[in-house]
Amino acid sequence: MKTMITVAPTGAWPKKQNNPNIPMTPQEIVNDVYDCWKAGAAVAHLHMRDDEGNGTMDVRKFRETMKLLREQHPDCDIVINMTTSGDIYATDETRVEHVKELKPELASFDCGSMNWQHNALFINSPQFLEMSGKLFQEVGVKPEIEIFDAGMVYNSLYYVKKGVLQAPCHYQFVLGAAGGSAATVENLVYLKSLIPEGSTWSALGIGKGHVPILLTAIALGGHVRVGMEDNVMFGPGQLAESNRQLVERAAQLVRLAGNEVATPDEAREILGLKK
């Protein structure tokens, strides 16, 4: 079988003091995405940082990054997946402005609200979810349904019935976030059991759950996400040298399991995307 590797190179919170190798600027992100594509990543999940290194939904940063990627690496056919949740203080309109303008092939659809890191609120109101789900359909962007706990799966089933989401759906299980489900094998098996037949899915573990969830997802026949958004370490006491290093390990594990690493076009076929 073909296994898709998604790389999430930067996220909204790790800083250079957490790992000096994390990309922050549009140019650094572009360099990382290209290196990860060459190493086997089929999908790039993109967050942006402002000039102080904080997460931002500023459409200008997304625009600059895509311009640099296309101009400097026209051969790079990696699937682009843009976040809609890179800043918990952004307005609903700001969270989707880049989707309207740039029309990435995928964009995140966080299917519920939660306490974020036990010190803030991560709000995805019913109004925002209905608005963004309908917008994605209008502009031809496939939602990546991010799942932090079981209730979010049940929310997604409701939105499929309501027509806000269209089957077959693609799910991204995010395990290990403070305020969400822990990164355990048991939780991943349970969450996988809830999604509709015919869905595609991927999984990630944050921090120390990174490798256990990576191994479990491969064993269960799912797809995987790696990158310094989720984990700045390569191993105990060892900082990741690059996002490429994390992609190369995932690709090696995929092959050791007897699977093949999906190319971007194979990922498009799996996800039902048009190039």
Foldseek 3Di string as FASTA:
>chain_A
DAFAEEEEQAAFDDDCVNPVFGDAALVSVLVQVVLQQVLFHQEYEDWHADPVRGTDLPLVRVVVSVVCNCVVPVVRPHQYEYELQRDQPDDLCSSCVNCLVVVGQEYEQAQAKWCFLVPHIRGDDPVSLLVVLVVCVVSVHAYAYEDQEQVSQVSVVVCCVVVSHDPPHEYEYEAPTVGGHHLDLVRVVVSVVSHDPRHAYEYAYAEPSGVVRLLSCLVVPHHYYDYVSRYQAPDVVHGDNGSSVVSNVSQVSNVVSVHHRDHNVSVCVSVVTDD
